[in-house]
Amino acid sequence: MEMDGEIADRYRDFAAYAEGDSPCFADWALRVADDPEVHAWLADLPRIKQQANLVFAAARWHGAEAPGGYEGFKAVLFEREAEVKETIRQRATQTNEVGRLATLTPVFATIPGPLGLVEVGASAGLCLFPDRYDYAWPPRGELRGSGGPTLTATATGPMPVPASHPDVAWRGGADLNPLDVEDEDAMAWLENLVWPEQDERRERLRQAIAVARTDPPQVVRGDLFDALPRLLREAGRHGTPVVFHSAVVAYLEDDDRERFDELMTGLVADGACRWVSNEAPQVLPRLAGGRRVPAGRFLLALDGQAAAYTHGHGHAIDWLFGAPTRVSEGPARLT
């Protein structure tokens, strides 16, 4: 039985990403990378559905114990193959990690408000509430006063500590499969997507669902290219339109990633919106500008200019150069 080199490489990349955050998933990913039987099991799934996060979540949904051994995970794949693959095909990795707001909010705070937030790939819209959380950025400082839960990210570099919460006048988003925060099955799937050892993330997700349920966001069903124009028009009625996304563009095919980069670059150049992106560096490589982004880190950018390296789940923010300059219009500049 032959190995698939591309699958092996992607699972090894995921193992490096998961190292330190989920020993179970890091082990499973490395074992999948070297397991030709599982490569063959994955082969009839679309490439976008072969991702480790989704496969591992579907196996857990159907009984794989995690934390747990690789053989138990593999047994579920083969013994319940039809059910696991149906879940993989029907569901998505809509993790909606609200902890990422600890890395996004310092950039939101540099944009003059009020803000009309538009999230691409919004899932249940949990990340549309940066104004409803408190923040701690040790050792740089903190932001209190929202009355909500506290999100923490270790900060390095000259990160600008916001003096106040973002002024959010409107919030909305788009997703191919928007999740209703009132839907218990959908919220159970979101909880299932939290990595097995991460009880703190699980509790943070429950808190985020409670926050969103007090004011359910407007998340429309649709392709981001089709939905974005009308969302921008609505956001613009309320304040400065800000399009943002985190760990979303990776799920587009390569051609659509380039198309999205060109779209957002054009919108920023035309003054139609501000753009906050937080993705793995290989996803939108132009934004990295040739930088060697540390392994396991995302690249956070404002209006197409690199601002920081971030932990994928929001645990850390490593600020680059200086703070984005506050400007009333046009793209921000890094000083």
Protein backbone atom coordinates (compact mmCIF):
# COMPACT_ATOMS: atom_id res chain seq x y z
CA MET A 1 0.00 0.00 0.00
CA GLU A 2 1.48 3.35 -1.05
CA MET A 3 1.95 6.41 1.11
CA ASP A 4 0.58 9.79 0.05
CA GLY A 5 3.41 12.28 0.49
CA GLU A 6 1.12 15.30 0.52
CA ILE A 7 -1.10 13.85 3.26
CA ALA A 8 1.99 12.93 5.26
CA ASP A 9 3.39 16.44 4.99
CA ARG A 10 0.10 18.08 6.00
CA TYR A 11 -0.28 15.84 9.04
CA ARG A 12 3.32 16.45 10.09
CA ASP A 13 2.69 20.18 9.80
CA PHE A 14 -0.38 19.78 11.99
CA ALA A 15 1.64 17.79 14.54
CA ALA A 16 4.12 20.67 14.78
CA TYR A 17 1.23 23.11 15.20
CA ALA A 18 -0.38 20.97 17.93
CA GLU A 19 2.83 20.26 19.82
CA GLY A 20 2.61 21.71 23.31
CA ASP A 21 -1.14 22.31 23.02
CA SER A 22 -2.42 18.77 22.49
CA PRO A 23 -0.03 15.84 22.99
CA CYS A 24 -2.85 13.52 21.88
CA PHE A 25 -3.44 15.27 18.56
CA ALA A 26 0.29 15.71 17.94
CA ASP A 27 0.76 11.96 18.41
CA TRP A 28 -2.24 11.04 16.24
CA ALA A 29 -1.06 13.35 13.46
CA LEU A 30 2.46 11.94 13.43
CA ARG A 31 1.09 8.40 13.41
CA VAL A 32 -1.29 9.20 10.54
CA ALA A 33 1.62 10.70 8.58
CA ASP A 34 3.35 7.29 8.70
CA ASP A 35 0.26 5.08 8.27
CA PRO A 36 -0.50 4.06 4.67
CA GLU A 37 -3.79 2.40 5.70
CA VAL A 38 -5.14 5.70 6.99
CA HIS A 39 -3.82 7.47 3.89
CA ALA A 40 -5.96 5.10 1.83
CA TRP A 41 -8.93 5.73 4.16
CA LEU A 42 -8.58 9.47 3.57
CA ALA A 43 -8.07 9.20 -0.18
CA ASP A 44 -11.74 9.25 -1.23
CA LEU A 45 -12.45 12.42 0.75
CA PRO A 46 -12.05 15.83 -0.90
CA ARG A 47 -8.68 17.36 -0.09
CA ILE A 48 -10.27 20.09 2.01
CA LYS A 49 -11.99 17.39 4.09
CA GLN A 50 -8.76 15.48 4.81
CA GLN A 51 -7.61 18.04 7.37
CA ALA A 52 -6.52 16.66 10.72
CA ASN A 53 -8.77 18.87 12.85
CA LEU A 54 -11.90 17.66 11.05
CA VAL A 55 -10.93 14.00 10.89
CA PHE A 56 -9.98 13.91 14.56
CA ALA A 57 -13.17 15.72 15.59
CA ALA A 58 -15.37 13.35 13.56
CA ALA A 59 -13.66 10.33 15.11
CA ARG A 60 -14.26 11.78 18.59
CA TRP A 61 -17.90 12.53 17.69
CA HIS A 62 -18.32 8.79 16.99
CA GLY A 63 -16.58 7.49 20.08
CA ALA A 64 -12.80 7.82 19.77
CA GLU A 65 -11.43 8.53 23.22
CA ALA A 66 -9.30 11.65 23.46
CA PRO A 67 -6.92 11.94 25.14
CA GLY A 68 -6.42 8.39 24.09
CA GLY A 69 -4.23 6.04 22.12
CA TYR A 70 -3.80 6.05 18.35
CA GLU A 71 -5.10 2.50 17.95
CA GLY A 72 -8.46 3.48 19.49
CA PHE A 73 -8.74 6.43 17.10
CA LYS A 74 -7.86 4.25 14.11
CA ALA A 75 -10.34 1.57 15.15
CA VAL A 76 -13.18 4.10 15.08
CA LEU A 77 -12.15 5.21 11.57
CA PHE A 78 -12.45 1.69 10.21
CA GLU A 79 -15.20 0.21 12.35
CA ARG A 80 -17.54 3.19 11.87
CA GLU A 81 -16.20 4.36 8.52
CA ALA A 82 -19.51 5.27 6.90
CA GLU A 83 -20.71 7.33 9.87
CA VAL A 84 -17.38 9.09 10.39
CA LYS A 85 -17.08 10.00 6.72
CA GLU A 86 -20.65 11.26 6.62
CA THR A 87 -19.87 13.56 9.56
CA ILE A 88 -16.70 14.75 7.83
CA ARG A 89 -18.62 15.53 4.65
CA GLN A 90 -21.54 17.24 6.44
CA ARG A 91 -19.68 19.26 9.08
CA ALA A 92 -16.77 21.67 9.17
CA THR A 93 -14.03 22.83 11.55
CA GLN A 94 -15.87 25.93 12.66
CA THR A 95 -13.79 26.22 15.80
CA ASN A 96 -14.70 29.87 16.44
CA GLU A 97 -11.94 30.24 19.07
CA VAL A 98 -12.91 33.38 20.95
CA GLY A 99 -9.49 33.44 22.62
CA ARG A 100 -8.15 34.89 19.38
CA LEU A 101 -9.83 38.17 20.31
CA ALA A 102 -6.93 38.75 22.71
CA THR A 103 -4.72 39.09 19.63
CA LEU A 104 -7.23 40.83 17.35
CA THR A 105 -8.44 43.49 19.77
CA PRO A 106 -5.13 45.45 19.95
CA VAL A 107 -5.45 45.93 16.19
CA PHE A 108 -9.17 46.75 16.30
CA ALA A 109 -8.31 49.42 18.87
CA THR A 110 -6.07 51.26 16.40
CA ILE A 111 -8.99 51.81 14.00
CA PRO A 112 -11.13 54.89 14.65
CA GLY A 113 -14.66 53.94 15.64
CA PRO A 114 -17.44 53.31 15.72
CA LEU A 115 -16.79 50.03 13.94
CA GLY A 116 -19.01 47.92 11.71
CA LEU A 117 -17.49 44.45 12.07
CA VAL A 118 -17.78 41.93 9.25
CA GLU A 119 -16.34 38.49 9.98
CA VAL A 120 -15.51 36.18 7.08
CA GLY A 121 -16.11 32.56 8.07
CA ALA A 122 -18.02 33.63 11.17
CA SER A 123 -19.33 30.20 12.21
CA ALA A 124 -21.58 31.07 15.18
CA GLY A 125 -20.25 34.65 15.30
CA LEU A 126 -18.60 34.25 18.70
CA CYS A 127 -15.63 36.43 17.70
CA LEU A 128 -17.88 39.37 16.81
CA PHE A 129 -17.92 40.61 20.42
CA PRO A 130 -14.49 42.15 21.17
CA ASP A 131 -16.25 44.79 23.27
CA ARG A 132 -17.82 42.20 25.60
CA TYR A 133 -14.55 40.82 27.04
CA ASP A 134 -11.80 42.01 29.35
CA TYR A 135 -8.19 41.40 28.41
CA ALA A 136 -4.82 40.72 30.02
CA TRP A 137 -1.58 41.00 28.02
CA PRO A 138 1.18 40.15 30.48
CA PRO A 139 3.55 41.84 30.94
CA ARG A 140 2.32 44.74 28.76
CA GLY A 141 -0.92 45.58 30.53
CA GLU A 142 -4.64 44.90 30.64
CA LEU A 143 -8.04 46.27 29.68
CA ARG A 144 -10.95 45.96 32.12
CA GLY A 145 -14.47 47.21 32.44
CA SER A 146 -16.59 45.19 30.00
CA GLY A 147 -18.10 43.02 32.69
CA GLY A 148 -17.36 39.95 30.58
CA PRO A 149 -14.86 37.09 30.85
CA THR A 150 -11.13 37.82 30.68
CA LEU A 151 -9.06 36.68 27.70
CA THR A 152 -5.29 36.47 28.13
CA ALA A 153 -2.41 36.57 25.65
CA THR A 154 1.23 36.87 26.60
CA ALA A 155 2.62 39.92 24.77
CA THR A 156 6.11 40.68 23.53
CA GLY A 157 7.36 43.67 21.57
CA PRO A 158 5.91 47.20 21.59
CA MET A 159 2.28 46.13 21.47
CA PRO A 160 -0.07 49.10 21.97
CA VAL A 161 -2.28 48.38 24.98
CA PRO A 162 -5.78 49.67 24.14
CA ALA A 163 -7.05 52.46 26.38
CA SER A 164 -10.67 51.40 25.87
CA HIS A 165 -12.75 48.65 24.34
CA PRO A 166 -13.57 48.85 20.64
CA ASP A 167 -16.71 50.85 19.93
CA VAL A 168 -18.74 48.28 17.96
CA ALA A 169 -21.84 49.80 16.38
CA TRP A 170 -22.76 46.79 14.21
CA ARG A 171 -21.61 43.20 13.87
CA GLY A 172 -22.31 40.58 11.24
CA GLY A 173 -20.67 37.94 9.14
CA ALA A 174 -20.93 35.23 6.54
CA ASP A 175 -20.37 31.49 6.60
CA LEU A 176 -21.14 28.60 4.27
CA ASN A 177 -22.78 26.89 7.23
CA PRO A 178 -23.65 29.46 9.90
CA LEU A 179 -24.28 28.01 13.34
CA ASP A 180 -27.13 29.18 15.54
CA VAL A 181 -25.95 29.82 19.10
CA GLU A 182 -29.36 28.59 20.27
CA ASP A 183 -28.90 25.21 18.51
CA GLU A 184 -27.69 22.70 21.14
CA ASP A 185 -26.42 20.16 18.56
CA ALA A 186 -24.41 22.82 16.74
CA MET A 187 -22.91 24.08 20.01
CA ALA A 188 -22.07 20.49 21.02
CA TRP A 189 -20.16 20.13 17.75
CA LEU A 190 -18.25 23.35 18.50
CA GLU A 191 -17.34 21.97 21.92
CA ASN A 192 -16.25 18.70 20.31
CA LEU A 193 -13.83 20.70 18.15
CA VAL A 194 -11.93 21.93 21.21
CA TRP A 195 -8.73 19.94 21.53
CA PRO A 196 -8.97 17.13 24.10
CA GLU A 197 -6.63 18.38 26.83
CA GLN A 198 -7.86 21.95 26.73
CA ASP A 199 -10.44 22.23 29.49
CA GLU A 200 -9.80 25.98 29.78
CA ARG A 201 -10.72 26.47 26.10
CA ARG A 202 -13.85 24.40 26.61
CA GLU A 203 -14.96 26.60 29.49
CA ARG A 204 -14.11 29.74 27.47
CA LEU A 205 -16.28 28.45 24.63
CA ARG A 206 -19.21 27.97 26.99
CA GLN A 207 -18.74 31.53 28.24
CA ALA A 208 -18.57 32.82 24.66
CA ILE A 209 -21.82 31.07 23.74
CA ALA A 210 -23.48 32.69 26.76
CA VAL A 211 -22.18 36.11 25.65
CA ALA A 212 -23.46 35.64 22.09
CA ARG A 213 -26.86 34.38 23.24
CA THR A 214 -27.59 37.73 24.89
CA ASP A 215 -27.37 39.43 21.48
CA PRO A 216 -27.24 36.83 18.66
CA PRO A 217 -25.17 38.20 15.76
CA GLN A 218 -26.32 38.45 12.16
CA VAL A 219 -24.49 35.68 10.30
CA VAL A 220 -25.72 35.08 6.75
CA ARG A 221 -25.36 31.85 4.82
CA GLY A 222 -23.28 32.17 1.69
CA ASP A 223 -19.98 32.24 -0.11
CA LEU A 224 -17.81 35.06 1.21
CA PHE A 225 -17.32 36.56 -2.26
CA ASP A 226 -21.08 36.80 -2.77
CA ALA A 227 -21.98 37.90 0.76
CA LEU A 228 -19.25 40.46 1.39
CA PRO A 229 -20.61 43.37 -0.71
CA ARG A 230 -23.98 43.54 1.05
CA LEU A 231 -22.41 43.04 4.47
CA LEU A 232 -20.01 45.90 3.80
CA ARG A 233 -22.85 48.15 2.74
CA GLU A 234 -24.71 47.43 5.97
CA ALA A 235 -21.58 47.81 8.13
CA GLY A 236 -20.82 51.13 6.46
CA ARG A 237 -24.20 52.50 7.54
CA HIS A 238 -23.13 52.18 11.18
CA GLY A 239 -19.44 53.00 11.26
CA THR A 240 -16.02 52.16 9.80
CA PRO A 241 -16.37 48.80 8.01
CA VAL A 242 -13.79 46.29 9.24
CA VAL A 243 -13.48 42.92 7.51
CA PHE A 244 -11.67 40.36 9.64
CA HIS A 245 -10.95 36.65 9.68
CA SER A 246 -8.86 34.21 11.69
CA ALA A 247 -7.89 30.69 10.59
CA VAL A 248 -10.47 30.81 7.80
CA VAL A 249 -8.75 31.51 4.48
CA ALA A 250 -6.79 28.27 4.90
CA TYR A 251 -9.98 26.44 3.95
CA LEU A 252 -10.12 28.09 0.52
CA GLU A 253 -8.47 26.51 -2.48
CA ASP A 254 -5.26 28.19 -3.64
CA ASP A 255 -6.90 30.12 -6.48
CA ASP A 256 -9.57 31.49 -4.16
CA ARG A 257 -6.95 32.51 -1.61
CA GLU A 258 -5.28 34.65 -4.26
CA ARG A 259 -8.65 35.98 -5.38
CA PHE A 260 -9.49 36.92 -1.79
CA ASP A 261 -6.14 38.66 -1.29
CA GLU A 262 -6.69 40.68 -4.47
CA LEU A 263 -10.26 41.53 -3.45
CA MET A 264 -9.30 42.77 0.01
CA THR A 265 -6.25 44.65 -1.26
CA GLY A 266 -8.49 46.47 -3.74
CA LEU A 267 -11.15 47.27 -1.14
CA VAL A 268 -8.54 48.73 1.21
CA ALA A 269 -6.96 50.77 -1.60
CA ASP A 270 -10.39 52.15 -2.48
CA GLY A 271 -11.06 53.12 1.15
CA ALA A 272 -14.05 50.77 1.28
CA CYS A 273 -13.02 49.06 4.50
CA ARG A 274 -10.23 48.14 6.87
CA TRP A 275 -8.87 44.59 6.81
CA VAL A 276 -7.64 42.54 9.78
CA SER A 277 -6.30 39.11 8.86
CA ASN A 278 -4.93 36.41 11.16
CA GLU A 279 -3.82 33.35 9.25
CA ALA A 280 -0.98 30.85 8.95
CA PRO A 281 1.81 32.52 6.94
CA GLN A 282 1.58 30.17 3.96
CA VAL A 283 -2.12 30.97 3.50
CA LEU A 284 -1.61 34.58 2.37
CA PRO A 285 2.13 34.55 1.66
CA ARG A 286 2.27 38.08 0.26
CA LEU A 287 1.44 39.47 3.70
CA ALA A 288 4.47 37.78 5.23
CA GLY A 289 6.74 39.79 2.95
CA GLY A 290 9.44 37.13 3.04
CA ARG A 291 9.55 36.98 6.85
CA ARG A 292 10.36 33.67 8.49
CA VAL A 293 7.34 33.37 10.73
CA PRO A 294 8.08 31.17 13.78
CA ALA A 295 6.74 27.63 13.58
CA GLY A 296 3.19 27.29 14.87
CA ARG A 297 2.51 31.04 14.68
CA PHE A 298 -0.07 32.92 12.61
CA LEU A 299 0.64 36.25 10.94
CA LEU A 300 -1.63 39.10 12.06
CA ALA A 301 -1.90 41.92 9.54
CA LEU A 302 -3.74 45.23 9.25
CA ASP A 303 -4.66 46.43 5.76
CA GLY A 304 -2.21 43.94 4.28
CA GLN A 305 0.74 44.98 6.47
CA ALA A 306 2.22 42.59 9.02
CA ALA A 307 1.57 43.65 12.61
CA ALA A 308 2.33 40.63 14.81
CA TYR A 309 2.94 36.91 15.09
CA THR A 310 0.18 35.23 17.06
CA HIS A 311 -0.53 31.90 18.68
CA GLY A 312 -3.19 30.09 16.68
CA HIS A 313 -5.60 29.96 19.62
CA GLY A 314 -4.80 33.43 20.94
CA HIS A 315 -2.41 32.56 23.76
CA ALA A 316 0.35 34.92 22.64
CA ILE A 317 1.01 37.98 20.50
CA ASP A 318 4.52 38.96 19.37
CA TRP A 319 4.26 42.53 18.09
CA LEU A 320 6.42 43.56 15.13
CA PHE A 321 8.16 46.91 14.63
CA GLY A 322 5.91 49.62 16.07
CA ALA A 323 2.19 50.08 16.54
CA PRO A 324 -0.08 50.71 13.57
CA THR A 325 -0.54 54.46 13.23
CA ARG A 326 -4.06 55.70 13.98
CA VAL A 327 -5.37 57.30 10.82
CA SER A 328 -8.80 58.60 9.91
CA GLU A 329 -8.87 57.05 6.47
CA GLY A 330 -6.82 54.87 4.17
CA PRO A 331 -4.63 51.92 5.15
CA ALA A 332 -2.72 51.93 8.42
CA ARG A 333 1.03 52.30 8.43
CA LEU A 334 3.49 50.54 10.69
CA THR A 335 5.92 52.90 12.39
